[in-house]
Amino acid sequence: MNEPNTPSVHPTIKKCMLHLDILGADDKIKQIVYMYMEGLKKEIEKQQEA
């Protein structure tokens, strides 16, 4: 369950993580992909604010 101050994971990122599980990616690969996707999400949000 998400706490009030805990941001939720974007549905596209959740789907990507699920596909990585299906493909058998190890935790390091998942962490790297998650990090890049979160960075991209933040960049897009920042551009939308401008």
N, C-alpha and C. Protein backbone atom coordinates (compact mmCIF):
# COMPACT_ATOMS: atom_id res chain seq x y z
N MET A 1 0.84 -1.18 0.00
CA MET A 1 0.00 0.00 0.00
C MET A 1 0.88 1.24 0.00
N ASN A 2 0.50 2.25 -0.76
CA ASN A 2 1.27 3.48 -0.83
C ASN A 2 0.96 4.39 0.35
N GLU A 3 2.01 4.93 0.96
CA GLU A 3 1.85 5.92 2.00
C GLU A 3 1.52 7.25 1.34
N PRO A 4 0.94 8.20 2.05
CA PRO A 4 0.58 9.49 1.45
C PRO A 4 1.75 10.22 0.79
N ASN A 5 2.94 10.14 1.35
CA ASN A 5 4.10 10.83 0.80
C ASN A 5 4.91 9.99 -0.17
N THR A 6 4.48 8.76 -0.43
CA THR A 6 5.19 7.86 -1.32
C THR A 6 4.60 7.98 -2.72
N PRO A 7 5.43 8.42 -3.70
CA PRO A 7 4.89 8.52 -5.06
C PRO A 7 4.62 7.13 -5.64
N SER A 8 3.58 7.03 -6.44
CA SER A 8 3.26 5.74 -7.06
C SER A 8 4.13 5.53 -8.29
N VAL A 9 4.28 4.28 -8.67
CA VAL A 9 5.08 3.93 -9.85
C VAL A 9 4.20 4.10 -11.08
N HIS A 10 4.74 4.75 -12.10
CA HIS A 10 4.01 4.99 -13.35
C HIS A 10 3.62 3.64 -13.95
N PRO A 11 2.40 3.55 -14.52
CA PRO A 11 1.95 2.26 -15.09
C PRO A 11 2.88 1.71 -16.17
N THR A 12 3.49 2.56 -16.98
CA THR A 12 4.41 2.09 -18.01
C THR A 12 5.65 1.47 -17.39
N ILE A 13 6.12 2.06 -16.30
CA ILE A 13 7.29 1.51 -15.61
C ILE A 13 6.94 0.16 -14.99
N LYS A 14 5.74 0.06 -14.40
CA LYS A 14 5.30 -1.23 -13.84
C LYS A 14 5.27 -2.31 -14.93
N LYS A 15 4.73 -1.94 -16.10
CA LYS A 15 4.63 -2.90 -17.20
C LYS A 15 6.02 -3.33 -17.68
N CYS A 16 6.93 -2.37 -17.75
CA CYS A 16 8.29 -2.68 -18.16
C CYS A 16 8.95 -3.64 -17.16
N MET A 17 8.76 -3.38 -15.87
CA MET A 17 9.34 -4.25 -14.85
C MET A 17 8.76 -5.66 -14.95
N LEU A 18 7.47 -5.75 -15.25
CA LEU A 18 6.84 -7.06 -15.43
C LEU A 18 7.46 -7.79 -16.62
N HIS A 19 7.67 -7.09 -17.71
CA HIS A 19 8.29 -7.72 -18.88
C HIS A 19 9.72 -8.15 -18.58
N LEU A 20 10.44 -7.36 -17.81
CA LEU A 20 11.80 -7.77 -17.43
C LEU A 20 11.76 -9.05 -16.60
N ASP A 21 10.76 -9.18 -15.72
CA ASP A 21 10.58 -10.42 -14.95
C ASP A 21 10.34 -11.59 -15.89
N ILE A 22 9.45 -11.40 -16.85
CA ILE A 22 9.12 -12.46 -17.81
C ILE A 22 10.36 -12.88 -18.59
N LEU A 23 11.20 -11.90 -18.94
CA LEU A 23 12.42 -12.20 -19.70
C LEU A 23 13.53 -12.78 -18.83
N GLY A 24 13.33 -12.77 -17.51
CA GLY A 24 14.33 -13.33 -16.62
C GLY A 24 15.50 -12.41 -16.33
N ALA A 25 15.28 -11.11 -16.45
CA ALA A 25 16.35 -10.15 -16.17
C ALA A 25 16.71 -10.20 -14.68
N ASP A 26 17.99 -10.03 -14.39
CA ASP A 26 18.40 -10.05 -13.00
C ASP A 26 18.12 -8.69 -12.35
N ASP A 27 18.30 -8.62 -11.03
CA ASP A 27 17.96 -7.41 -10.29
C ASP A 27 18.78 -6.20 -10.70
N LYS A 28 20.03 -6.39 -11.07
CA LYS A 28 20.86 -5.26 -11.49
C LYS A 28 20.33 -4.63 -12.77
N ILE A 29 19.91 -5.46 -13.71
CA ILE A 29 19.34 -4.96 -14.97
C ILE A 29 18.05 -4.21 -14.67
N LYS A 30 17.19 -4.78 -13.83
CA LYS A 30 15.93 -4.12 -13.48
C LYS A 30 16.19 -2.76 -12.82
N GLN A 31 17.18 -2.70 -11.96
CA GLN A 31 17.50 -1.46 -11.26
C GLN A 31 17.96 -0.39 -12.25
N ILE A 32 18.80 -0.77 -13.19
CA ILE A 32 19.30 0.18 -14.19
C ILE A 32 18.16 0.69 -15.06
N VAL A 33 17.32 -0.22 -15.54
CA VAL A 33 16.19 0.18 -16.39
C VAL A 33 15.25 1.08 -15.61
N TYR A 34 14.95 0.73 -14.37
CA TYR A 34 14.06 1.54 -13.54
C TYR A 34 14.63 2.94 -13.34
N MET A 35 15.92 3.01 -13.07
CA MET A 35 16.58 4.30 -12.84
C MET A 35 16.46 5.19 -14.07
N TYR A 36 16.71 4.65 -15.25
CA TYR A 36 16.61 5.45 -16.48
C TYR A 36 15.17 5.85 -16.76
N MET A 37 14.22 4.96 -16.53
CA MET A 37 12.82 5.29 -16.79
C MET A 37 12.31 6.36 -15.83
N GLU A 38 12.70 6.28 -14.57
CA GLU A 38 12.31 7.32 -13.60
C GLU A 38 12.94 8.66 -13.98
N GLY A 39 14.20 8.64 -14.43
CA GLY A 39 14.85 9.87 -14.88
C GLY A 39 14.13 10.48 -16.06
N LEU A 40 13.71 9.66 -17.00
CA LEU A 40 12.97 10.14 -18.16
C LEU A 40 11.62 10.71 -17.75
N LYS A 41 10.95 10.04 -16.83
CA LYS A 41 9.66 10.52 -16.33
C LYS A 41 9.81 11.90 -15.69
N LYS A 42 10.82 12.06 -14.87
CA LYS A 42 11.05 13.35 -14.20
C LYS A 42 11.38 14.45 -15.21
N GLU A 43 12.17 14.11 -16.23
CA GLU A 43 12.51 15.07 -17.28
C GLU A 43 11.27 15.53 -18.03
N ILE A 44 10.39 14.59 -18.35
CA ILE A 44 9.15 14.91 -19.06
C ILE A 44 8.25 15.79 -18.19
N GLU A 45 8.14 15.43 -16.91
CA GLU A 45 7.32 16.23 -16.01
C GLU A 45 7.86 17.66 -15.89
N LYS A 46 9.16 17.79 -15.85
CA LYS A 46 9.78 19.11 -15.76
C LYS A 46 9.48 19.93 -17.01
N GLN A 47 9.54 19.31 -18.18
CA GLN A 47 9.24 20.01 -19.43
C GLN A 47 7.77 20.42 -19.50
N GLN A 48 6.88 19.61 -18.95
CA GLN A 48 5.46 19.93 -18.97
C GLN A 48 5.13 21.09 -18.05
N GLU A 49 5.93 21.27 -16.98
CA GLU A 49 5.72 22.39 -16.06
C GLU A 49 6.12 23.72 -16.70
N ALA A 50 7.07 23.69 -17.60
CA ALA A 50 7.58 24.92 -18.21
C ALA A 50 6.61 25.54 -19.19
